[in-house]
Amino acid sequence: MKLEITSGALQLARGQTLKLKDSVGSTICAREGTVWITEEDSRKDVVLEPGHCFRVDRPGLTLVQAFADASVSLA
C-alpha cells in the first residue's frame, strides 16, 4: 500500500506500517488516529494518540503502525 502525504502529514491505513531507519532525534506526532511505535532493541513500546508526540532515541529500525486509519507527521 502506498503512503500518502497530505498537509505535511503521512496518511496510514489501518494496519499499515511505516519503517524508519536510523531516525534518532526525529519526532513522530500523531495528528489523527492512534499509532503504535516500537524501536529496535527496546523493550518499551509506545502508543500515540492524536496530539501526542514521541522522539526516536535509538539507532536502527523504528516501526510505526496504525491501529486504524491515522495521520502522523515527522520532524
PDB file of N, CA and C in Angstrom:
ATOM      1  N   MET A   1       0.836  -1.187   0.000  1.00  0.00           N
ATOM      2  CA  MET A   1       0.000   0.000   0.000  1.00  0.00           C
ATOM      3  C   MET A   1       0.879   1.247   0.000  1.00  0.00           C
ATOM      4  N   LYS A   2       0.510   2.233  -0.757  1.00  0.00           N
ATOM      5  CA  LYS A   2       1.270   3.463  -0.925  1.00  0.00           C
ATOM      6  C   LYS A   2       0.953   4.451   0.195  1.00  0.00           C
ATOM      7  N   LEU A   3       1.985   5.126   0.731  1.00  0.00           N
ATOM      8  CA  LEU A   3       1.781   6.174   1.731  1.00  0.00           C
ATOM      9  C   LEU A   3       1.386   7.452   1.022  1.00  0.00           C
ATOM     10  N   GLU A   4       0.445   8.173   1.590  1.00  0.00           N
ATOM     11  CA  GLU A   4       0.025   9.444   1.016  1.00  0.00           C
ATOM     12  C   GLU A   4       0.407  10.568   1.959  1.00  0.00           C
ATOM     13  N   ILE A   5       0.901  11.675   1.389  1.00  0.00           N
ATOM     14  CA  ILE A   5       1.253  12.841   2.200  1.00  0.00           C
ATOM     15  C   ILE A   5       0.225  13.925   1.944  1.00  0.00           C
ATOM     16  N   THR A   6      -0.404  14.375   3.027  1.00  0.00           N
ATOM     17  CA  THR A   6      -1.410  15.430   2.945  1.00  0.00           C
ATOM     18  C   THR A   6      -1.087  16.487   3.987  1.00  0.00           C
ATOM     19  N   SER A   7      -0.935  17.727   3.584  1.00  0.00           N
ATOM     20  CA  SER A   7      -0.669  18.834   4.501  1.00  0.00           C
ATOM     21  C   SER A   7       0.495  18.531   5.451  1.00  0.00           C
ATOM     22  N   GLY A   8       1.582  17.992   4.916  1.00  0.00           N
ATOM     23  CA  GLY A   8       2.758  17.712   5.727  1.00  0.00           C
ATOM     24  C   GLY A   8       2.632  16.497   6.619  1.00  0.00           C
ATOM     25  N   ALA A   9       1.594  15.688   6.412  1.00  0.00           N
ATOM     26  CA  ALA A   9       1.378  14.501   7.236  1.00  0.00           C
ATOM     27  C   ALA A   9       1.350  13.259   6.359  1.00  0.00           C
ATOM     28  N   LEU A  10       1.771  12.148   6.936  1.00  0.00           N
ATOM     29  CA  LEU A  10       1.679  10.861   6.257  1.00  0.00           C
ATOM     30  C   LEU A  10       0.372  10.199   6.659  1.00  0.00           C
ATOM     31  N   GLN A  11      -0.376   9.745   5.684  1.00  0.00           N
ATOM     32  CA  GLN A  11      -1.628   9.043   5.934  1.00  0.00           C
ATOM     33  C   GLN A  11      -1.343   7.550   5.977  1.00  0.00           C
ATOM     34  N   LEU A  12      -1.705   6.890   7.066  1.00  0.00           N
ATOM     35  CA  LEU A  12      -1.528   5.450   7.205  1.00  0.00           C
ATOM     36  C   LEU A  12      -2.894   4.789   7.298  1.00  0.00           C
ATOM     37  N   ALA A  13      -3.098   3.750   6.507  1.00  0.00           N
ATOM     38  CA  ALA A  13      -4.343   2.987   6.585  1.00  0.00           C
ATOM     39  C   ALA A  13      -4.243   2.014   7.768  1.00  0.00           C
ATOM     40  N   ARG A  14      -5.364   1.557   8.231  1.00  0.00           N
ATOM     41  CA  ARG A  14      -5.399   0.599   9.342  1.00  0.00           C
ATOM     42  C   ARG A  14      -4.444  -0.566   9.063  1.00  0.00           C
ATOM     43  N   GLY A  15      -3.557  -0.842  10.024  1.00  0.00           N
ATOM     44  CA  GLY A  15      -2.619  -1.942   9.892  1.00  0.00           C
ATOM     45  C   GLY A  15      -1.368  -1.632   9.086  1.00  0.00           C
ATOM     46  N   GLN A  16      -1.315  -0.490   8.440  1.00  0.00           N
ATOM     47  CA  GLN A  16      -0.156  -0.126   7.634  1.00  0.00           C
ATOM     48  C   GLN A  16       1.021   0.245   8.540  1.00  0.00           C
ATOM     49  N   THR A  17       2.224  -0.151   8.128  1.00  0.00           N
ATOM     50  CA  THR A  17       3.421   0.093   8.922  1.00  0.00           C
ATOM     51  C   THR A  17       4.387   0.999   8.175  1.00  0.00           C
ATOM     52  N   LEU A  18       4.870   1.996   8.875  1.00  0.00           N
ATOM     53  CA  LEU A  18       5.894   2.905   8.364  1.00  0.00           C
ATOM     54  C   LEU A  18       7.218   2.458   8.977  1.00  0.00           C
ATOM     55  N   LYS A  19       8.240   2.232   8.149  1.00  0.00           N
ATOM     56  CA  LYS A  19       9.547   1.810   8.630  1.00  0.00           C
ATOM     57  C   LYS A  19      10.513   2.985   8.526  1.00  0.00           C
ATOM     58  N   LEU A  20      11.122   3.336   9.654  1.00  0.00           N
ATOM     59  CA  LEU A  20      12.095   4.419   9.700  1.00  0.00           C
ATOM     60  C   LEU A  20      13.440   3.826  10.104  1.00  0.00           C
ATOM     61  N   LYS A  21      14.470   4.082   9.322  1.00  0.00           N
ATOM     62  CA  LYS A  21      15.787   3.538   9.633  1.00  0.00           C
ATOM     63  C   LYS A  21      16.716   4.655  10.103  1.00  0.00           C
ATOM     64  N   ASP A  22      17.394   4.391  11.233  1.00  0.00           N
ATOM     65  CA  ASP A  22      18.361   5.337  11.797  1.00  0.00           C
ATOM     66  C   ASP A  22      17.798   6.753  11.880  1.00  0.00           C
ATOM     67  N   SER A  23      16.694   6.895  12.584  1.00  0.00           N
ATOM     68  CA  SER A  23      15.987   8.175  12.701  1.00  0.00           C
ATOM     69  C   SER A  23      16.145   8.810  14.079  1.00  0.00           C
ATOM     70  N   VAL A  24      17.255   8.518  14.770  1.00  0.00           N
ATOM     71  CA  VAL A  24      17.482   9.083  16.095  1.00  0.00           C
ATOM     72  C   VAL A  24      17.319  10.603  16.043  1.00  0.00           C
ATOM     73  N   GLY A  25      16.565  11.142  16.989  1.00  0.00           N
ATOM     74  CA  GLY A  25      16.335  12.583  17.049  1.00  0.00           C
ATOM     75  C   GLY A  25      15.088  13.036  16.319  1.00  0.00           C
ATOM     76  N   SER A  26      14.503  12.177  15.485  1.00  0.00           N
ATOM     77  CA  SER A  26      13.266  12.535  14.788  1.00  0.00           C
ATOM     78  C   SER A  26      12.094  12.502  15.759  1.00  0.00           C
ATOM     79  N   THR A  27      11.119  13.346  15.507  1.00  0.00           N
ATOM     80  CA  THR A  27       9.916  13.382  16.333  1.00  0.00           C
ATOM     81  C   THR A  27       8.727  12.941  15.493  1.00  0.00           C
ATOM     82  N   ILE A  28       7.985  11.979  16.022  1.00  0.00           N
ATOM     83  CA  ILE A  28       6.778  11.461  15.366  1.00  0.00           C
ATOM     84  C   ILE A  28       5.581  11.984  16.150  1.00  0.00           C
ATOM     85  N   CYS A  29       4.661  12.640  15.478  1.00  0.00           N
ATOM     86  CA  CYS A  29       3.459  13.158  16.133  1.00  0.00           C
ATOM     87  C   CYS A  29       2.219  12.540  15.495  1.00  0.00           C
ATOM     88  N   ALA A  30       1.303  12.077  16.333  1.00  0.00           N
ATOM     89  CA  ALA A  30       0.023  11.551  15.847  1.00  0.00           C
ATOM     90  C   ALA A  30      -0.911  12.735  15.640  1.00  0.00           C
ATOM     91  N   ARG A  31      -1.375  12.910  14.428  1.00  0.00           N
ATOM     92  CA  ARG A  31      -2.303  14.003  14.138  1.00  0.00           C
ATOM     93  C   ARG A  31      -3.743  13.507  14.177  1.00  0.00           C
ATOM     94  N   GLU A  32      -3.964  12.310  13.650  1.00  0.00           N
ATOM     95  CA  GLU A  32      -5.288  11.670  13.661  1.00  0.00           C
ATOM     96  C   GLU A  32      -5.082  10.186  13.891  1.00  0.00           C
ATOM     97  N   GLY A  33      -5.995   9.560  14.581  1.00  0.00           N
ATOM     98  CA  GLY A  33      -5.902   8.131  14.825  1.00  0.00           C
ATOM     99  C   GLY A  33      -4.840   7.797  15.862  1.00  0.00           C
ATOM    100  N   THR A  34      -4.716   6.527  16.165  1.00  0.00           N
ATOM    101  CA  THR A  34      -3.768   6.049  17.163  1.00  0.00           C
ATOM    102  C   THR A  34      -2.743   5.153  16.482  1.00  0.00           C
ATOM    103  N   VAL A  35      -1.478   5.351  16.844  1.00  0.00           N
ATOM    104  CA  VAL A  35      -0.404   4.548  16.260  1.00  0.00           C
ATOM    105  C   VAL A  35       0.436   3.900  17.355  1.00  0.00           C
ATOM    106  N   TRP A  36       1.026   2.764  17.003  1.00  0.00           N
ATOM    107  CA  TRP A  36       1.919   2.020  17.886  1.00  0.00           C
ATOM    108  C   TRP A  36       3.330   2.192  17.342  1.00  0.00           C
ATOM    109  N   ILE A  37       4.285   2.452  18.246  1.00  0.00           N
ATOM    110  CA  ILE A  37       5.677   2.653  17.842  1.00  0.00           C
ATOM    111  C   ILE A  37       6.559   1.694  18.623  1.00  0.00           C
ATOM    112  N   THR A  38       7.485   1.056  17.922  1.00  0.00           N
ATOM    113  CA  THR A  38       8.477   0.217  18.583  1.00  0.00           C
ATOM    114  C   THR A  38       9.834   0.495  17.951  1.00  0.00           C
ATOM    115  N   GLU A  39      10.869   0.514  18.798  1.00  0.00           N
ATOM    116  CA  GLU A  39      12.227   0.754  18.337  1.00  0.00           C
ATOM    117  C   GLU A  39      13.054  -0.520  18.471  1.00  0.00           C
ATOM    118  N   GLU A  40      13.965  -0.718  17.537  1.00  0.00           N
ATOM    119  CA  GLU A  40      14.852  -1.871  17.562  1.00  0.00           C
ATOM    120  C   GLU A  40      15.637  -1.916  18.876  1.00  0.00           C
ATOM    121  N   ASP A  41      15.739  -3.097  19.455  1.00  0.00           N
ATOM    122  CA  ASP A  41      16.480  -3.337  20.701  1.00  0.00           C
ATOM    123  C   ASP A  41      15.914  -2.584  21.904  1.00  0.00           C
ATOM    124  N   SER A  42      14.638  -2.273  21.880  1.00  0.00           N
ATOM    125  CA  SER A  42      13.987  -1.627  23.022  1.00  0.00           C
ATOM    126  C   SER A  42      12.861  -2.519  23.519  1.00  0.00           C
ATOM    127  N   ARG A  43      12.723  -2.607  24.813  1.00  0.00           N
ATOM    128  CA  ARG A  43      11.616  -3.378  25.393  1.00  0.00           C
ATOM    129  C   ARG A  43      10.377  -2.512  25.568  1.00  0.00           C
ATOM    130  N   LYS A  44      10.527  -1.220  25.316  1.00  0.00           N
ATOM    131  CA  LYS A  44       9.448  -0.264  25.522  1.00  0.00           C
ATOM    132  C   LYS A  44       8.744   0.025  24.199  1.00  0.00           C
ATOM    133  N   ASP A  45       7.443  -0.178  24.165  1.00  0.00           N
ATOM    134  CA  ASP A  45       6.629   0.227  23.015  1.00  0.00           C
ATOM    135  C   ASP A  45       5.841   1.459  23.424  1.00  0.00           C
ATOM    136  N   VAL A  46       5.438   2.234  22.446  1.00  0.00           N
ATOM    137  CA  VAL A  46       4.714   3.478  22.704  1.00  0.00           C
ATOM    138  C   VAL A  46       3.428   3.476  21.889  1.00  0.00           C
ATOM    139  N   VAL A  47       2.345   3.914  22.493  1.00  0.00           N
ATOM    140  CA  VAL A  47       1.089   4.120  21.783  1.00  0.00           C
ATOM    141  C   VAL A  47       0.814   5.621  21.807  1.00  0.00           C
ATOM    142  N   LEU A  48       0.706   6.194  20.607  1.00  0.00           N
ATOM    143  CA  LEU A  48       0.444   7.638  20.493  1.00  0.00           C
ATOM    144  C   LEU A  48      -0.993   7.878  20.074  1.00  0.00           C
ATOM    145  N   GLU A  49      -1.633   8.755  20.813  1.00  0.00           N
ATOM    146  CA  GLU A  49      -2.985   9.208  20.454  1.00  0.00           C
ATOM    147  C   GLU A  49      -2.863  10.590  19.834  1.00  0.00           C
ATOM    148  N   PRO A  50      -3.893  11.059  19.151  1.00  0.00           N
ATOM    149  CA  PRO A  50      -3.828  12.359  18.493  1.00  0.00           C
ATOM    150  C   PRO A  50      -3.360  13.466  19.444  1.00  0.00           C
ATOM    151  N   GLY A  51      -2.425  14.282  18.938  1.00  0.00           N
ATOM    152  CA  GLY A  51      -1.912  15.398  19.715  1.00  0.00           C
ATOM    153  C   GLY A  51      -0.672  15.066  20.530  1.00  0.00           C
ATOM    154  N   HIS A  52      -0.269  13.790  20.550  1.00  0.00           N
ATOM    155  CA  HIS A  52       0.913  13.389  21.305  1.00  0.00           C
ATOM    156  C   HIS A  52       2.067  13.079  20.360  1.00  0.00           C
ATOM    157  N   CYS A  53       3.294  13.269  20.870  1.00  0.00           N
ATOM    158  CA  CYS A  53       4.495  13.066  20.063  1.00  0.00           C
ATOM    159  C   CYS A  53       5.483  12.160  20.788  1.00  0.00           C
ATOM    160  N   PHE A  54       6.397  11.589  20.020  1.00  0.00           N
ATOM    161  CA  PHE A  54       7.438  10.711  20.546  1.00  0.00           C
ATOM    162  C   PHE A  54       8.727  11.016  19.805  1.00  0.00           C
ATOM    163  N   ARG A  55       9.820  11.136  20.553  1.00  0.00           N
ATOM    164  CA  ARG A  55      11.131  11.385  19.953  1.00  0.00           C
ATOM    165  C   ARG A  55      11.910  10.066  19.890  1.00  0.00           C
ATOM    166  N   VAL A  56      12.364   9.709  18.704  1.00  0.00           N
ATOM    167  CA  VAL A  56      13.133   8.482  18.500  1.00  0.00           C
ATOM    168  C   VAL A  56      14.486   8.653  19.186  1.00  0.00           C
ATOM    169  N   ASP A  57      14.829   7.700  20.077  1.00  0.00           N
ATOM    170  CA  ASP A  57      16.090   7.838  20.804  1.00  0.00           C
ATOM    171  C   ASP A  57      17.029   6.653  20.634  1.00  0.00           C
ATOM    172  N   ARG A  58      16.722   5.774  19.692  1.00  0.00           N
ATOM    173  CA  ARG A  58      17.591   4.609  19.435  1.00  0.00           C
ATOM    174  C   ARG A  58      17.923   4.507  17.948  1.00  0.00           C
ATOM    175  N   PRO A  59      19.156   4.094  17.644  1.00  0.00           N
ATOM    176  CA  PRO A  59      19.501   3.858  16.238  1.00  0.00           C
ATOM    177  C   PRO A  59      18.837   2.564  15.765  1.00  0.00           C
ATOM    178  N   GLY A  60      18.885   2.332  14.483  1.00  0.00           N
ATOM    179  CA  GLY A  60      18.289   1.118  13.937  1.00  0.00           C
ATOM    180  C   GLY A  60      16.894   1.374  13.414  1.00  0.00           C
ATOM    181  N   LEU A  61      16.097   0.327  13.398  1.00  0.00           N
ATOM    182  CA  LEU A  61      14.760   0.378  12.818  1.00  0.00           C
ATOM    183  C   LEU A  61      13.706   0.813  13.832  1.00  0.00           C
ATOM    184  N   THR A  62      12.856   1.749  13.438  1.00  0.00           N
ATOM    185  CA  THR A  62      11.697   2.165  14.225  1.00  0.00           C
ATOM    186  C   THR A  62      10.466   1.883  13.377  1.00  0.00           C
ATOM    187  N   LEU A  63       9.478   1.191  13.955  1.00  0.00           N
ATOM    188  CA  LEU A  63       8.241   0.881  13.246  1.00  0.00           C
ATOM    189  C   LEU A  63       7.104   1.697  13.819  1.00  0.00           C
ATOM    190  N   VAL A  64       6.279   2.233  12.926  1.00  0.00           N
ATOM    191  CA  VAL A  64       5.077   2.979  13.314  1.00  0.00           C
ATOM    192  C   VAL A  64       3.914   2.293  12.613  1.00  0.00           C
ATOM    193  N   GLN A  65       2.962   1.761  13.390  1.00  0.00           N
ATOM    194  CA  GLN A  65       1.836   1.045  12.798  1.00  0.00           C
ATOM    195  C   GLN A  65       0.522   1.671  13.248  1.00  0.00           C
ATOM    196  N   ALA A  66      -0.390   1.819  12.308  1.00  0.00           N
ATOM    197  CA  ALA A  66      -1.691   2.430  12.582  1.00  0.00           C
ATOM    198  C   ALA A  66      -2.685   1.391  13.094  1.00  0.00           C
ATOM    199  N   PHE A  67      -3.325   1.675  14.233  1.00  0.00           N
ATOM    200  CA  PHE A  67      -4.381   0.802  14.754  1.00  0.00           C
ATOM    201  C   PHE A  67      -5.639   0.926  13.898  1.00  0.00           C
ATOM    202  N   ALA A  68      -5.895   2.122  13.419  1.00  0.00           N
ATOM    203  CA  ALA A  68      -6.991   2.435  12.500  1.00  0.00           C
ATOM    204  C   ALA A  68      -6.430   3.484  11.550  1.00  0.00           C
ATOM    205  N   ASP A  69      -7.197   3.956  10.598  1.00  0.00           N
ATOM    206  CA  ASP A  69      -6.679   4.995   9.708  1.00  0.00           C
ATOM    207  C   ASP A  69      -6.107   6.113  10.566  1.00  0.00           C
ATOM    208  N   ALA A  70      -4.893   6.574  10.212  1.00  0.00           N
ATOM    209  CA  ALA A  70      -4.198   7.556  11.039  1.00  0.00           C
ATOM    210  C   ALA A  70      -3.417   8.519  10.173  1.00  0.00           C
ATOM    211  N   SER A  71      -2.967   9.587  10.800  1.00  0.00           N
ATOM    212  CA  SER A  71      -2.143  10.586  10.158  1.00  0.00           C
ATOM    213  C   SER A  71      -1.031  10.941  11.139  1.00  0.00           C
ATOM    214  N   VAL A  72       0.223  10.911  10.664  1.00  0.00           N
ATOM    215  CA  VAL A  72       1.361  11.260  11.520  1.00  0.00           C
ATOM    216  C   VAL A  72       2.231  12.273  10.793  1.00  0.00           C
ATOM    217  N   SER A  73       2.933  13.085  11.575  1.00  0.00           N
ATOM    218  CA  SER A  73       3.922  13.996  11.000  1.00  0.00           C
ATOM    219  C   SER A  73       5.275  13.628  11.562  1.00  0.00           C
ATOM    220  N   LEU A  74       6.307  13.902  10.788  1.00  0.00           N
ATOM    221  CA  LEU A  74       7.677  13.615  11.181  1.00  0.00           C
ATOM    222  C   LEU A  74       8.480  14.894  11.114  1.00  0.00           C
ATOM    223  N   ALA A  75       9.287  15.103  12.131  1.00  0.00           N
ATOM    224  CA  ALA A  75      10.164  16.303  12.142  1.00  0.00           C
ATOM    225  C   ALA A  75      11.524  15.911  12.652  1.00  0.00           C
TER     226      ALA A  75
END
